[in-house]
């Protein structure tokens, strides 16, 4: 198994109410696309998230 199905199911539950979400297998894992942009990826048992830099850095500045 290239990615954790348990983790993938947890992400699916959180994204269930959103429209324009698509799952794609790539890079040996699973990627969740929102409005045709990658936002979350799972490889093995690790979660990778794309975060808006303005929102991220404004929290720490």
C-alpha atoms as a PDB file:
ATOM      1  CA  UNK A   1       0.000   0.000   0.000  1.00  0.00           C
ATOM      2  CA  UNK A   2       1.482   3.339  -1.063  1.00  0.00           C
ATOM      3  CA  UNK A   3      -0.634   5.420   1.309  1.00  0.00           C
ATOM      4  CA  UNK A   4      -2.644   4.995   4.485  1.00  0.00           C
ATOM      5  CA  UNK A   5      -6.299   4.276   3.684  1.00  0.00           C
ATOM      6  CA  UNK A   6      -7.197   5.226   7.252  1.00  0.00           C
ATOM      7  CA  UNK A   7      -5.682   8.675   6.800  1.00  0.00           C
ATOM      8  CA  UNK A   8      -7.236   9.000   3.329  1.00  0.00           C
ATOM      9  CA  UNK A   9     -10.676   8.216   4.751  1.00  0.00           C
ATOM     10  CA  UNK A  10     -10.244  10.874   7.446  1.00  0.00           C
ATOM     11  CA  UNK A  11      -9.417  13.465   4.775  1.00  0.00           C
ATOM     12  CA  UNK A  12     -12.376  12.318   2.661  1.00  0.00           C
ATOM     13  CA  UNK A  13     -14.701  12.839   5.642  1.00  0.00           C
ATOM     14  CA  UNK A  14     -13.427  16.391   6.183  1.00  0.00           C
ATOM     15  CA  UNK A  15     -13.767  17.286   2.489  1.00  0.00           C
ATOM     16  CA  UNK A  16     -17.160  15.595   2.005  1.00  0.00           C
ATOM     17  CA  UNK A  17     -19.122  18.864   2.133  1.00  0.00           C
ATOM     18  CA  UNK A  18     -16.874  20.682  -0.368  1.00  0.00           C
ATOM     19  CA  UNK A  19     -17.572  20.812  -4.078  1.00  0.00           C
ATOM     20  CA  UNK A  20     -14.829  20.574  -6.703  1.00  0.00           C
ATOM     21  CA  UNK A  21     -12.721  18.042  -4.749  1.00  0.00           C
ATOM     22  CA  UNK A  22     -10.949  15.409  -6.794  1.00  0.00           C
ATOM     23  CA  UNK A  23      -8.658  12.568  -5.748  1.00  0.00           C
ATOM     24  CA  UNK A  24      -5.646  11.640  -7.842  1.00  0.00           C
ATOM     25  CA  UNK A  25      -3.051   8.958  -7.311  1.00  0.00           C
ATOM     26  CA  UNK A  26       0.354  10.424  -8.034  1.00  0.00           C
ATOM     27  CA  UNK A  27       3.944  10.334  -6.779  1.00  0.00           C
ATOM     28  CA  UNK A  28       3.274   6.974  -5.143  1.00  0.00           C
ATOM     29  CA  UNK A  29       0.550   8.405  -2.941  1.00  0.00           C
ATOM     30  CA  UNK A  30      -2.835  10.087  -3.007  1.00  0.00           C
ATOM     31  CA  UNK A  31      -3.487  13.763  -3.673  1.00  0.00           C
ATOM     32  CA  UNK A  32      -6.641  15.754  -2.980  1.00  0.00           C
ATOM     33  CA  UNK A  33      -7.256  18.576  -5.419  1.00  0.00           C
ATOM     34  CA  UNK A  34      -9.567  21.495  -4.621  1.00  0.00           C
ATOM     35  CA  UNK A  35     -10.576  23.711  -7.539  1.00  0.00           C
ATOM     36  CA  UNK A  36      -7.916  21.930  -9.618  1.00  0.00           C
ATOM     37  CA  UNK A  37      -5.120  22.783  -7.156  1.00  0.00           C
ATOM     38  CA  UNK A  38      -3.339  20.329  -4.905  1.00  0.00           C
ATOM     39  CA  UNK A  39      -4.126  21.053  -1.262  1.00  0.00           C
ATOM     40  CA  UNK A  40      -3.466  17.774   0.602  1.00  0.00           C
ATOM     41  CA  UNK A  41      -1.302  14.788  -0.174  1.00  0.00           C
ATOM     42  CA  UNK A  42      -0.728  11.469   1.558  1.00  0.00           C
ATOM     43  CA  UNK A  43       2.381   9.360   1.111  1.00  0.00           C
ATOM     44  CA  UNK A  44       2.633   6.229   3.264  1.00  0.00           C
ATOM     45  CA  UNK A  45       1.356   7.446   6.643  1.00  0.00           C
ATOM     46  CA  UNK A  46       2.392  11.094   6.255  1.00  0.00           C
ATOM     47  CA  UNK A  47       0.101  14.022   5.498  1.00  0.00           C
ATOM     48  CA  UNK A  48       1.363  16.949   3.450  1.00  0.00           C
ATOM     49  CA  UNK A  49      -0.669  20.180   3.328  1.00  0.00           C
ATOM     50  CA  UNK A  50      -0.447  23.249   1.153  1.00  0.00           C
ATOM     51  CA  UNK A  51      -1.009  26.362   3.284  1.00  0.00           C
ATOM     52  CA  UNK A  52      -1.463  29.936   2.089  1.00  0.00           C
ATOM     53  CA  UNK A  53       1.761  31.714   3.074  1.00  0.00           C
ATOM     54  CA  UNK A  54      -0.083  34.913   4.025  1.00  0.00           C
ATOM     55  CA  UNK A  55      -2.255  33.028   6.500  1.00  0.00           C
ATOM     56  CA  UNK A  56       0.664  31.009   7.841  1.00  0.00           C
ATOM     57  CA  UNK A  57       3.113  33.876   8.313  1.00  0.00           C
ATOM     58  CA  UNK A  58       0.538  36.335   9.661  1.00  0.00           C
ATOM     59  CA  UNK A  59      -0.004  33.987  12.594  1.00  0.00           C
ATOM     60  CA  UNK A  60       3.682  34.035  13.552  1.00  0.00           C
ATOM     61  CA  UNK A  61       4.610  37.673  12.894  1.00  0.00           C
END
